[in-house]
Amino acid sequence: MKNKNSKLLAIFFILILLGTSAFAQETLSASQKTFLWKIQSKTNTVYVLGSLHFSKKEIYPLNEKIENAFSQSESLVVEANVNDLKKVDMQKLVERAFYPANDTLEKHVSPEIYELVKKETDGLGIPLELLNKQRPWFLAMTLVALESLKLGFDPNLGIDMYFLSKAGGGKKILELESLDYQLNLLSGFSDKDQELFLLYTLKDLKILEQELGKLTQAWTSGDTKAMESILTRSVSEDRRLSFILEKLIYERNRKMVSKIEDYLKEKETYFVIVGAGHLVGNRGIIEILQGKGYLVEQL
């Protein structure tokens, strides 16, 4: 069972790279804004690209602005290198993502939420028994992954994976965070917050296809306001989610900015990829960097 769970964790670990995901239906024109920014200090340049963690093949080829920025960079920086799972203690992951023997999800969430989970698994054609051992935070991510795959979105076609493959051997690959950091973040939520996270994930699954359409338009047009609106929608509907958003987005933004500032002090060009949701709003990475006096340009 532990070996089976380890494989499942590896399959869905890419979901831990939190942030906005979408796909582009056509290649961006050279004159259109993208979700790529050029950040300049007095001594260096860092490119920051909003990531689409789940994509379709229609997104490729990418806009030449993005490809050129990557070509000009010596190092690729991602939130976490999902191709380097050997560094992760899989036993530890299993313990934090799955309940031990004789324990199940049903014992940890309300009957109402458990019924919603049963309806969702029925709709996906998956026996509940296959998911009943997952803790709420991991189950939420699993359900998003399964529904996204059902809609045709593939994590193997995501921006992160695309550039990790291109960088192989030719560029240094660095991490803003790590898989362990992201695991600790998600599994560290209280039972109450995990249940709330699962509840709103279940609600959002009903409009996932519609939301992906909105995200598509926002990403392809470089529309940061629309992206911010999508990111904060759930919080505007229920303020209880503010704490979760603070931990998953804003707290991480500040830490990522600190790392990016370190790169701006260096003399080689960096190409940084983060979830697009981390870049928008007055508490997003871009406005924080701009507020610190760096020259910022959306390409």
C-alpha atoms as a PDB file:
ATOM      1  CA  MET A   1       0.000   0.000   0.000  1.00  0.00           C
ATOM      2  CA  LYS A   2       2.825   2.389   0.868  1.00  0.00           C
ATOM      3  CA  ASN A   3       4.521   1.794  -2.469  1.00  0.00           C
ATOM      4  CA  LYS A   4       1.235   2.419  -4.293  1.00  0.00           C
ATOM      5  CA  ASN A   5       0.707   5.631  -2.333  1.00  0.00           C
ATOM      6  CA  SER A   6       4.238   6.783  -3.142  1.00  0.00           C
ATOM      7  CA  LYS A   7       3.553   6.414  -6.851  1.00  0.00           C
ATOM      8  CA  LEU A   8       0.298   8.351  -6.521  1.00  0.00           C
ATOM      9  CA  LEU A   9       2.122  11.117  -4.683  1.00  0.00           C
ATOM     10  CA  ALA A  10       4.701  11.370  -7.447  1.00  0.00           C
ATOM     11  CA  ILE A  11       1.978  11.579 -10.107  1.00  0.00           C
ATOM     12  CA  PHE A  12       0.170  14.431  -8.423  1.00  0.00           C
ATOM     13  CA  PHE A  13       3.113  16.214  -6.800  1.00  0.00           C
ATOM     14  CA  ILE A  14       3.161  18.783  -9.556  1.00  0.00           C
ATOM     15  CA  LEU A  15      -0.063  20.150  -8.099  1.00  0.00           C
ATOM     16  CA  ILE A  16       1.917  21.390  -5.113  1.00  0.00           C
ATOM     17  CA  LEU A  17       3.343  24.046  -7.404  1.00  0.00           C
ATOM     18  CA  LEU A  18       0.480  26.273  -6.419  1.00  0.00           C
ATOM     19  CA  GLY A  19      -0.625  29.180  -8.531  1.00  0.00           C
ATOM     20  CA  THR A  20      -2.944  29.855 -11.377  1.00  0.00           C
ATOM     21  CA  SER A  21      -3.131  27.270 -14.153  1.00  0.00           C
ATOM     22  CA  ALA A  22      -4.577  27.693 -17.623  1.00  0.00           C
ATOM     23  CA  PHE A  23      -3.816  27.013 -21.258  1.00  0.00           C
ATOM     24  CA  ALA A  24      -3.502  29.137 -24.363  1.00  0.00           C
ATOM     25  CA  GLN A  25      -5.678  28.342 -27.345  1.00  0.00           C
ATOM     26  CA  GLU A  26      -3.364  30.005 -29.798  1.00  0.00           C
ATOM     27  CA  THR A  27       0.145  31.415 -29.967  1.00  0.00           C
ATOM     28  CA  LEU A  28       0.443  34.966 -28.671  1.00  0.00           C
ATOM     29  CA  SER A  29       1.242  37.597 -31.243  1.00  0.00           C
ATOM     30  CA  ALA A  30       4.526  39.434 -30.925  1.00  0.00           C
ATOM     31  CA  SER A  31       2.743  42.722 -30.204  1.00  0.00           C
ATOM     32  CA  GLN A  32       0.514  41.358 -27.448  1.00  0.00           C
ATOM     33  CA  LYS A  33       1.408  41.503 -23.776  1.00  0.00           C
ATOM     34  CA  THR A  34       2.371  38.211 -22.179  1.00  0.00           C
ATOM     35  CA  PHE A  35       2.699  37.026 -18.587  1.00  0.00           C
ATOM     36  CA  LEU A  36       6.436  37.678 -18.769  1.00  0.00           C
ATOM     37  CA  TRP A  37       8.188  40.549 -16.980  1.00  0.00           C
ATOM     38  CA  LYS A  38      11.701  41.918 -17.305  1.00  0.00           C
ATOM     39  CA  ILE A  39      13.104  43.042 -13.948  1.00  0.00           C
ATOM     40  CA  GLN A  40      16.270  45.154 -13.930  1.00  0.00           C
ATOM     41  CA  SER A  41      18.570  46.327 -11.179  1.00  0.00           C
ATOM     42  CA  LYS A  42      21.634  48.505 -11.730  1.00  0.00           C
ATOM     43  CA  THR A  43      23.723  45.410 -12.400  1.00  0.00           C
ATOM     44  CA  ASN A  44      21.505  42.590 -13.628  1.00  0.00           C
ATOM     45  CA  THR A  45      18.340  41.352 -15.351  1.00  0.00           C
ATOM     46  CA  VAL A  46      15.848  38.740 -14.167  1.00  0.00           C
ATOM     47  CA  TYR A  47      12.942  37.532 -16.285  1.00  0.00           C
ATOM     48  CA  VAL A  48       9.831  36.415 -14.394  1.00  0.00           C
ATOM     49  CA  LEU A  49       7.236  34.288 -16.183  1.00  0.00           C
ATOM     50  CA  GLY A  50       3.781  33.381 -14.905  1.00  0.00           C
ATOM     51  CA  SER A  51       3.389  29.637 -15.127  1.00  0.00           C
ATOM     52  CA  LEU A  52       0.602  27.456 -16.443  1.00  0.00           C
ATOM     53  CA  HIS A  53       1.056  24.205 -14.546  1.00  0.00           C
ATOM     54  CA  PHE A  54      -1.575  22.311 -16.547  1.00  0.00           C
ATOM     55  CA  SER A  55      -1.719  22.930 -20.292  1.00  0.00           C
ATOM     56  CA  LYS A  56      -2.743  21.601 -23.665  1.00  0.00           C
ATOM     57  CA  LYS A  57      -0.489  21.160 -26.664  1.00  0.00           C
ATOM     58  CA  GLU A  58      -2.177  24.157 -28.306  1.00  0.00           C
ATOM     59  CA  ILE A  59      -0.105  26.430 -26.095  1.00  0.00           C
ATOM     60  CA  TYR A  60       2.992  25.647 -28.136  1.00  0.00           C
ATOM     61  CA  PRO A  61       4.969  27.170 -29.730  1.00  0.00           C
ATOM     62  CA  LEU A  62       5.275  29.846 -27.056  1.00  0.00           C
ATOM     63  CA  ASN A  63       5.536  33.536 -27.811  1.00  0.00           C
ATOM     64  CA  GLU A  64       9.000  34.411 -29.130  1.00  0.00           C
ATOM     65  CA  LYS A  65       9.436  36.980 -26.340  1.00  0.00           C
ATOM     66  CA  ILE A  66       9.323  34.155 -23.827  1.00  0.00           C
ATOM     67  CA  GLU A  67      11.628  31.885 -25.805  1.00  0.00           C
ATOM     68  CA  ASN A  68      14.135  34.714 -26.381  1.00  0.00           C
ATOM     69  CA  ALA A  69      14.221  35.596 -22.689  1.00  0.00           C
ATOM     70  CA  PHE A  70      14.909  31.964 -21.832  1.00  0.00           C
ATOM     71  CA  SER A  71      17.674  31.753 -24.441  1.00  0.00           C
ATOM     72  CA  GLN A  72      19.358  34.856 -22.998  1.00  0.00           C
ATOM     73  CA  SER A  73      19.368  33.451 -19.452  1.00  0.00           C
ATOM     74  CA  GLU A  74      22.106  31.388 -17.841  1.00  0.00           C
ATOM     75  CA  SER A  75      19.907  29.905 -15.100  1.00  0.00           C
ATOM     76  CA  LEU A  76      16.363  28.555 -14.895  1.00  0.00           C
ATOM     77  CA  VAL A  77      14.601  29.045 -11.560  1.00  0.00           C
ATOM     78  CA  VAL A  78      11.395  27.176 -10.699  1.00  0.00           C
ATOM     79  CA  GLU A  79       9.313  27.015  -7.538  1.00  0.00           C
ATOM     80  CA  ALA A  80      10.348  23.392  -7.068  1.00  0.00           C
ATOM     81  CA  ASN A  81      12.074  20.963  -9.389  1.00  0.00           C
ATOM     82  CA  VAL A  82       9.514  18.188  -9.859  1.00  0.00           C
ATOM     83  CA  ASN A  83      12.044  16.244 -11.910  1.00  0.00           C
ATOM     84  CA  ASP A  84      14.207  15.810  -8.815  1.00  0.00           C
ATOM     85  CA  LEU A  85      11.958  13.644  -6.633  1.00  0.00           C
ATOM     86  CA  LYS A  86      14.923  11.593  -5.460  1.00  0.00           C
ATOM     87  CA  LYS A  87      15.643  14.328  -2.918  1.00  0.00           C
ATOM     88  CA  VAL A  88      12.237  13.816  -1.324  1.00  0.00           C
ATOM     89  CA  ASP A  89      11.626  11.399   1.539  1.00  0.00           C
ATOM     90  CA  MET A  90       8.682   9.527   0.044  1.00  0.00           C
ATOM     91  CA  GLN A  91       7.913   7.796   3.330  1.00  0.00           C
ATOM     92  CA  LYS A  92       7.492  11.196   4.920  1.00  0.00           C
ATOM     93  CA  LEU A  93       5.244  12.296   2.070  1.00  0.00           C
ATOM     94  CA  VAL A  94       3.029   9.250   2.437  1.00  0.00           C
ATOM     95  CA  GLU A  95       2.634   9.868   6.155  1.00  0.00           C
ATOM     96  CA  ARG A  96       1.564  13.458   5.589  1.00  0.00           C
ATOM     97  CA  ALA A  97      -0.719  12.837   2.617  1.00  0.00           C
ATOM     98  CA  PHE A  98      -2.428   9.614   3.680  1.00  0.00           C
ATOM     99  CA  TYR A  99      -4.107   8.381   6.839  1.00  0.00           C
ATOM    100  CA  PRO A 100      -2.547   5.406   8.615  1.00  0.00           C
ATOM    101  CA  ALA A 101      -4.198   1.994   8.800  1.00  0.00           C
ATOM    102  CA  ASN A 102      -7.732   1.939  10.210  1.00  0.00           C
ATOM    103  CA  ASP A 103      -8.146   5.687   9.703  1.00  0.00           C
ATOM    104  CA  THR A 104     -10.071   7.314   6.855  1.00  0.00           C
ATOM    105  CA  LEU A 105     -11.282  10.662   5.544  1.00  0.00           C
ATOM    106  CA  GLU A 106     -14.790   9.931   6.784  1.00  0.00           C
ATOM    107  CA  LYS A 107     -13.594  10.270  10.375  1.00  0.00           C
ATOM    108  CA  HIS A 108     -12.137  13.732   9.802  1.00  0.00           C
ATOM    109  CA  VAL A 109     -14.679  15.714   7.780  1.00  0.00           C
ATOM    110  CA  SER A 110     -18.348  16.524   8.203  1.00  0.00           C
ATOM    111  CA  PRO A 111     -20.989  14.163   6.775  1.00  0.00           C
ATOM    112  CA  GLU A 112     -21.971  16.904   4.315  1.00  0.00           C
ATOM    113  CA  ILE A 113     -18.467  17.227   2.887  1.00  0.00           C
ATOM    114  CA  TYR A 114     -18.053  13.472   2.773  1.00  0.00           C
ATOM    115  CA  GLU A 115     -21.251  13.228   0.712  1.00  0.00           C
ATOM    116  CA  LEU A 116     -19.873  15.859  -1.686  1.00  0.00           C
ATOM    117  CA  VAL A 117     -16.695  13.808  -2.058  1.00  0.00           C
ATOM    118  CA  LYS A 118     -18.752  10.694  -2.829  1.00  0.00           C
ATOM    119  CA  LYS A 119     -20.729  12.546  -5.502  1.00  0.00           C
ATOM    120  CA  GLU A 120     -17.538  13.857  -7.079  1.00  0.00           C
ATOM    121  CA  THR A 121     -15.843  10.481  -7.167  1.00  0.00           C
ATOM    122  CA  ASP A 122     -19.001   8.957  -8.667  1.00  0.00           C
ATOM    123  CA  GLY A 123     -18.920  11.618 -11.376  1.00  0.00           C
ATOM    124  CA  LEU A 124     -15.287  10.837 -12.115  1.00  0.00           C
ATOM    125  CA  GLY A 125     -16.008   7.117 -12.180  1.00  0.00           C
ATOM    126  CA  ILE A 126     -13.536   6.423  -9.364  1.00  0.00           C
ATOM    127  CA  PRO A 127     -14.396   4.190  -6.386  1.00  0.00           C
ATOM    128  CA  LEU A 128     -14.371   6.208  -3.182  1.00  0.00           C
ATOM    129  CA  GLU A 129     -12.255   3.527  -1.549  1.00  0.00           C
ATOM    130  CA  LEU A 130      -9.297   4.606  -3.700  1.00  0.00           C
ATOM    131  CA  LEU A 131      -9.374   8.129  -2.287  1.00  0.00           C
ATOM    132  CA  ASN A 132     -10.746   7.604   1.203  1.00  0.00           C
ATOM    133  CA  LYS A 133      -7.268   7.291   2.753  1.00  0.00           C
ATOM    134  CA  GLN A 134      -6.146  10.720   1.533  1.00  0.00           C
ATOM    135  CA  ARG A 135      -6.003  13.643   3.908  1.00  0.00           C
ATOM    136  CA  PRO A 136      -8.199  16.627   2.911  1.00  0.00           C
ATOM    137  CA  TRP A 137      -5.382  18.827   1.532  1.00  0.00           C
ATOM    138  CA  PHE A 138      -4.071  16.064  -0.718  1.00  0.00           C
ATOM    139  CA  LEU A 139      -7.515  14.857  -1.741  1.00  0.00           C
ATOM    140  CA  ALA A 140      -8.386  18.401  -2.835  1.00  0.00           C
ATOM    141  CA  MET A 141      -5.358  18.469  -5.102  1.00  0.00           C
ATOM    142  CA  THR A 142      -6.026  14.971  -6.391  1.00  0.00           C
ATOM    143  CA  LEU A 143      -9.582  15.884  -7.374  1.00  0.00           C
ATOM    144  CA  VAL A 144      -8.399  19.003  -9.215  1.00  0.00           C
ATOM    145  CA  ALA A 145      -5.819  16.899 -11.052  1.00  0.00           C
ATOM    146  CA  LEU A 146      -8.340  14.237 -12.032  1.00  0.00           C
ATOM    147  CA  GLU A 147     -10.902  16.779 -13.214  1.00  0.00           C
ATOM    148  CA  SER A 148      -8.265  18.727 -15.137  1.00  0.00           C
ATOM    149  CA  LEU A 149      -7.054  15.563 -16.838  1.00  0.00           C
ATOM    150  CA  LYS A 150     -10.660  14.722 -17.667  1.00  0.00           C
ATOM    151  CA  LEU A 151     -10.960  18.123 -19.356  1.00  0.00           C
ATOM    152  CA  GLY A 152      -7.785  17.487 -21.344  1.00  0.00           C
ATOM    153  CA  PHE A 153      -5.234  19.457 -19.336  1.00  0.00           C
ATOM    154  CA  ASP A 154      -1.901  17.721 -18.866  1.00  0.00           C
ATOM    155  CA  PRO A 155       0.753  18.613 -16.241  1.00  0.00           C
ATOM    156  CA  ASN A 156       3.377  17.123 -18.557  1.00  0.00           C
ATOM    157  CA  LEU A 157       2.610  19.959 -20.992  1.00  0.00           C
ATOM    158  CA  GLY A 158       2.865  22.663 -18.333  1.00  0.00           C
ATOM    159  CA  ILE A 159       5.250  25.598 -18.674  1.00  0.00           C
ATOM    160  CA  ASP A 160       7.403  24.377 -15.790  1.00  0.00           C
ATOM    161  CA  MET A 161       7.911  20.966 -17.339  1.00  0.00           C
ATOM    162  CA  TYR A 162       8.558  22.443 -20.780  1.00  0.00           C
ATOM    163  CA  PHE A 163      11.412  24.640 -19.598  1.00  0.00           C
ATOM    164  CA  LEU A 164      12.826  22.038 -17.216  1.00  0.00           C
ATOM    165  CA  SER A 165      13.140  19.759 -20.236  1.00  0.00           C
ATOM    166  CA  LYS A 166      14.730  22.500 -22.352  1.00  0.00           C
ATOM    167  CA  ALA A 167      17.207  23.372 -19.611  1.00  0.00           C
ATOM    168  CA  GLY A 168      18.505  19.815 -19.262  1.00  0.00           C
ATOM    169  CA  GLY A 169      22.275  20.007 -19.170  1.00  0.00           C
ATOM    170  CA  GLY A 170      22.480  23.447 -20.769  1.00  0.00           C
ATOM    171  CA  LYS A 171      21.457  25.714 -17.913  1.00  0.00           C
ATOM    172  CA  LYS A 172      21.689  25.695 -14.149  1.00  0.00           C
ATOM    173  CA  ILE A 173      18.384  24.749 -12.509  1.00  0.00           C
ATOM    174  CA  LEU A 174      17.603  26.439  -9.196  1.00  0.00           C
ATOM    175  CA  GLU A 175      14.610  26.415  -6.852  1.00  0.00           C
ATOM    176  CA  LEU A 176      12.814  29.309  -5.196  1.00  0.00           C
ATOM    177  CA  GLU A 177      11.380  26.874  -2.679  1.00  0.00           C
ATOM    178  CA  SER A 178      11.542  23.070  -2.601  1.00  0.00           C
ATOM    179  CA  LEU A 179       9.164  20.144  -2.678  1.00  0.00           C
ATOM    180  CA  ASP A 180       9.711  19.613   1.051  1.00  0.00           C
ATOM    181  CA  TYR A 181       8.831  23.243   1.785  1.00  0.00           C
ATOM    182  CA  GLN A 182       5.625  22.999  -0.209  1.00  0.00           C
ATOM    183  CA  LEU A 183       4.715  19.686   1.390  1.00  0.00           C
ATOM    184  CA  ASN A 184       5.181  21.127   4.872  1.00  0.00           C
ATOM    185  CA  LEU A 185       3.115  24.163   3.941  1.00  0.00           C
ATOM    186  CA  LEU A 186       0.121  22.184   2.719  1.00  0.00           C
ATOM    187  CA  SER A 187       0.184  19.399   5.275  1.00  0.00           C
ATOM    188  CA  GLY A 188       0.708  21.934   8.059  1.00  0.00           C
ATOM    189  CA  PHE A 189      -2.800  23.378   7.850  1.00  0.00           C
ATOM    190  CA  SER A 190      -5.088  22.537  10.752  1.00  0.00           C
ATOM    191  CA  ASP A 191      -7.801  19.923  10.272  1.00  0.00           C
ATOM    192  CA  LYS A 192     -10.370  22.728  10.179  1.00  0.00           C
ATOM    193  CA  ASP A 193      -8.516  24.646   7.471  1.00  0.00           C
ATOM    194  CA  GLN A 194      -7.885  21.480   5.456  1.00  0.00           C
ATOM    195  CA  GLU A 195     -11.607  20.725   5.558  1.00  0.00           C
ATOM    196  CA  LEU A 196     -12.396  24.257   4.384  1.00  0.00           C
ATOM    197  CA  PHE A 197      -9.813  23.943   1.607  1.00  0.00           C
ATOM    198  CA  LEU A 198     -11.433  20.691   0.481  1.00  0.00           C
ATOM    199  CA  LEU A 199     -14.940  22.163   0.642  1.00  0.00           C
ATOM    200  CA  TYR A 200     -14.111  25.069  -1.652  1.00  0.00           C
ATOM    201  CA  THR A 201     -12.177  22.826  -3.980  1.00  0.00           C
ATOM    202  CA  LEU A 202     -15.281  20.676  -4.340  1.00  0.00           C
ATOM    203  CA  LYS A 203     -17.384  23.751  -5.072  1.00  0.00           C
ATOM    204  CA  ASP A 204     -14.898  25.097  -7.612  1.00  0.00           C
ATOM    205  CA  LEU A 205     -14.784  21.791  -9.482  1.00  0.00           C
ATOM    206  CA  LYS A 206     -18.312  22.513 -10.676  1.00  0.00           C
ATOM    207  CA  ILE A 207     -17.102  25.605 -12.521  1.00  0.00           C
ATOM    208  CA  LEU A 208     -13.565  24.469 -13.325  1.00  0.00           C
ATOM    209  CA  GLU A 209     -14.077  24.380 -17.083  1.00  0.00           C
ATOM    210  CA  GLN A 210     -15.644  27.849 -17.034  1.00  0.00           C
ATOM    211  CA  GLU A 211     -12.830  29.220 -14.860  1.00  0.00           C
ATOM    212  CA  LEU A 212     -10.191  27.757 -17.148  1.00  0.00           C
ATOM    213  CA  GLY A 213     -11.771  29.680 -19.994  1.00  0.00           C
ATOM    214  CA  LYS A 214     -11.467  32.942 -18.041  1.00  0.00           C
ATOM    215  CA  LEU A 215      -7.896  32.107 -17.071  1.00  0.00           C
ATOM    216  CA  THR A 216      -7.076  31.381 -20.682  1.00  0.00           C
ATOM    217  CA  GLN A 217      -8.217  34.809 -21.787  1.00  0.00           C
ATOM    218  CA  ALA A 218      -6.426  36.543 -18.922  1.00  0.00           C
ATOM    219  CA  TRP A 219      -3.148  34.741 -19.564  1.00  0.00           C
ATOM    220  CA  THR A 220      -3.135  35.075 -23.344  1.00  0.00           C
ATOM    221  CA  SER A 221      -3.800  38.826 -23.133  1.00  0.00           C
ATOM    222  CA  GLY A 222      -1.484  39.501 -20.181  1.00  0.00           C
ATOM    223  CA  ASP A 223      -4.505  40.787 -18.245  1.00  0.00           C
ATOM    224  CA  THR A 224      -3.297  41.007 -14.650  1.00  0.00           C
ATOM    225  CA  LYS A 225      -6.533  42.536 -13.337  1.00  0.00           C
ATOM    226  CA  ALA A 226      -8.603  39.642 -14.640  1.00  0.00           C
ATOM    227  CA  MET A 227      -6.109  37.150 -13.220  1.00  0.00           C
ATOM    228  CA  GLU A 228      -6.263  38.835  -9.810  1.00  0.00           C
ATOM    229  CA  SER A 229     -10.067  38.760  -9.866  1.00  0.00           C
ATOM    230  CA  ILE A 230     -10.039  35.016 -10.502  1.00  0.00           C
ATOM    231  CA  LEU A 231      -7.438  34.434  -7.796  1.00  0.00           C
ATOM    232  CA  THR A 232      -9.383  36.285  -5.091  1.00  0.00           C
ATOM    233  CA  ARG A 233     -12.915  35.201  -6.038  1.00  0.00           C
ATOM    234  CA  SER A 234     -13.259  32.526  -3.336  1.00  0.00           C
ATOM    235  CA  VAL A 235     -12.012  34.856  -0.606  1.00  0.00           C
ATOM    236  CA  SER A 236     -14.491  37.524  -1.637  1.00  0.00           C
ATOM    237  CA  GLU A 237     -17.217  34.913  -1.212  1.00  0.00           C
ATOM    238  CA  ASP A 238     -15.985  33.608   2.159  1.00  0.00           C
ATOM    239  CA  ARG A 239     -13.554  35.562   4.327  1.00  0.00           C
ATOM    240  CA  ARG A 240     -12.606  32.363   6.185  1.00  0.00           C
ATOM    241  CA  LEU A 241     -10.390  31.573   3.212  1.00  0.00           C
ATOM    242  CA  SER A 242      -8.246  34.677   3.787  1.00  0.00           C
ATOM    243  CA  PHE A 243      -5.867  32.794   6.060  1.00  0.00           C
ATOM    244  CA  ILE A 244      -5.363  30.063   3.480  1.00  0.00           C
ATOM    245  CA  LEU A 245      -4.731  32.604   0.702  1.00  0.00           C
ATOM    246  CA  GLU A 246      -2.276  34.439   2.952  1.00  0.00           C
ATOM    247  CA  LYS A 247      -0.266  31.254   3.526  1.00  0.00           C
ATOM    248  CA  LEU A 248      -0.474  29.851   0.002  1.00  0.00           C
ATOM    249  CA  ILE A 249       0.119  33.047  -1.956  1.00  0.00           C
ATOM    250  CA  TYR A 250       1.104  36.236  -0.127  1.00  0.00           C
ATOM    251  CA  GLU A 251       3.522  34.817   2.436  1.00  0.00           C
ATOM    252  CA  ARG A 252       5.280  32.892  -0.315  1.00  0.00           C
ATOM    253  CA  ASN A 253       5.364  36.002  -2.513  1.00  0.00           C
ATOM    254  CA  ARG A 254       7.466  37.840   0.045  1.00  0.00           C
ATOM    255  CA  LYS A 255       9.920  34.969   0.334  1.00  0.00           C
ATOM    256  CA  MET A 256      10.174  34.613  -3.447  1.00  0.00           C
ATOM    257  CA  VAL A 257      10.870  38.333  -3.816  1.00  0.00           C
ATOM    258  CA  SER A 258      13.772  37.990  -1.398  1.00  0.00           C
ATOM    259  CA  LYS A 259      15.283  35.256  -3.580  1.00  0.00           C
ATOM    260  CA  ILE A 260      14.724  37.272  -6.769  1.00  0.00           C
ATOM    261  CA  GLU A 261      16.473  40.252  -5.172  1.00  0.00           C
ATOM    262  CA  ASP A 262      19.478  38.019  -4.540  1.00  0.00           C
ATOM    263  CA  TYR A 263      19.523  37.144  -8.255  1.00  0.00           C
ATOM    264  CA  LEU A 264      19.337  40.828  -9.149  1.00  0.00           C
ATOM    265  CA  LYS A 265      22.596  41.360  -7.264  1.00  0.00           C
ATOM    266  CA  GLU A 266      24.382  38.780  -9.420  1.00  0.00           C
ATOM    267  CA  LYS A 267      25.909  39.285 -12.873  1.00  0.00           C
ATOM    268  CA  GLU A 268      24.191  36.492 -14.808  1.00  0.00           C
ATOM    269  CA  THR A 269      20.660  36.500 -16.219  1.00  0.00           C
ATOM    270  CA  TYR A 270      17.980  34.411 -14.518  1.00  0.00           C
ATOM    271  CA  PHE A 271      14.720  33.081 -15.967  1.00  0.00           C
ATOM    272  CA  VAL A 272      12.243  32.608 -13.109  1.00  0.00           C
ATOM    273  CA  ILE A 273       8.965  30.687 -13.430  1.00  0.00           C
ATOM    274  CA  VAL A 274       6.221  30.946 -10.790  1.00  0.00           C
ATOM    275  CA  GLY A 275       2.479  30.365 -10.815  1.00  0.00           C
ATOM    276  CA  ALA A 276       0.812  33.310 -12.550  1.00  0.00           C
ATOM    277  CA  GLY A 277      -1.287  33.958  -9.455  1.00  0.00           C
ATOM    278  CA  HIS A 278       1.854  34.973  -7.567  1.00  0.00           C
ATOM    279  CA  LEU A 279       2.515  37.884  -9.932  1.00  0.00           C
ATOM    280  CA  VAL A 280      -0.724  39.866  -9.731  1.00  0.00           C
ATOM    281  CA  GLY A 281      -2.236  42.407  -7.355  1.00  0.00           C
ATOM    282  CA  ASN A 282      -0.682  44.937  -5.012  1.00  0.00           C
ATOM    283  CA  ARG A 283       0.714  42.092  -2.902  1.00  0.00           C
ATOM    284  CA  GLY A 284       2.017  40.218  -5.918  1.00  0.00           C
ATOM    285  CA  ILE A 285       5.675  39.732  -6.784  1.00  0.00           C
ATOM    286  CA  ILE A 286       5.685  42.288  -9.598  1.00  0.00           C
ATOM    287  CA  GLU A 287       4.293  45.209  -7.594  1.00  0.00           C
ATOM    288  CA  ILE A 288       6.503  44.359  -4.617  1.00  0.00           C
ATOM    289  CA  LEU A 289       9.596  44.510  -6.821  1.00  0.00           C
ATOM    290  CA  GLN A 290       8.416  47.704  -8.457  1.00  0.00           C
ATOM    291  CA  GLY A 291       7.843  49.236  -5.034  1.00  0.00           C
ATOM    292  CA  LYS A 292      11.430  48.408  -4.110  1.00  0.00           C
ATOM    293  CA  GLY A 293      12.684  50.570  -6.974  1.00  0.00           C
ATOM    294  CA  TYR A 294      13.550  47.986  -9.605  1.00  0.00           C
ATOM    295  CA  LEU A 295      12.814  48.728 -13.255  1.00  0.00           C
ATOM    296  CA  VAL A 296       9.865  46.523 -14.213  1.00  0.00           C
ATOM    297  CA  GLU A 297       8.508  45.960 -17.709  1.00  0.00           C
ATOM    298  CA  GLN A 298       5.767  43.630 -18.849  1.00  0.00           C
ATOM    299  CA  LEU A 299       6.799  42.158 -22.190  1.00  0.00           C
END
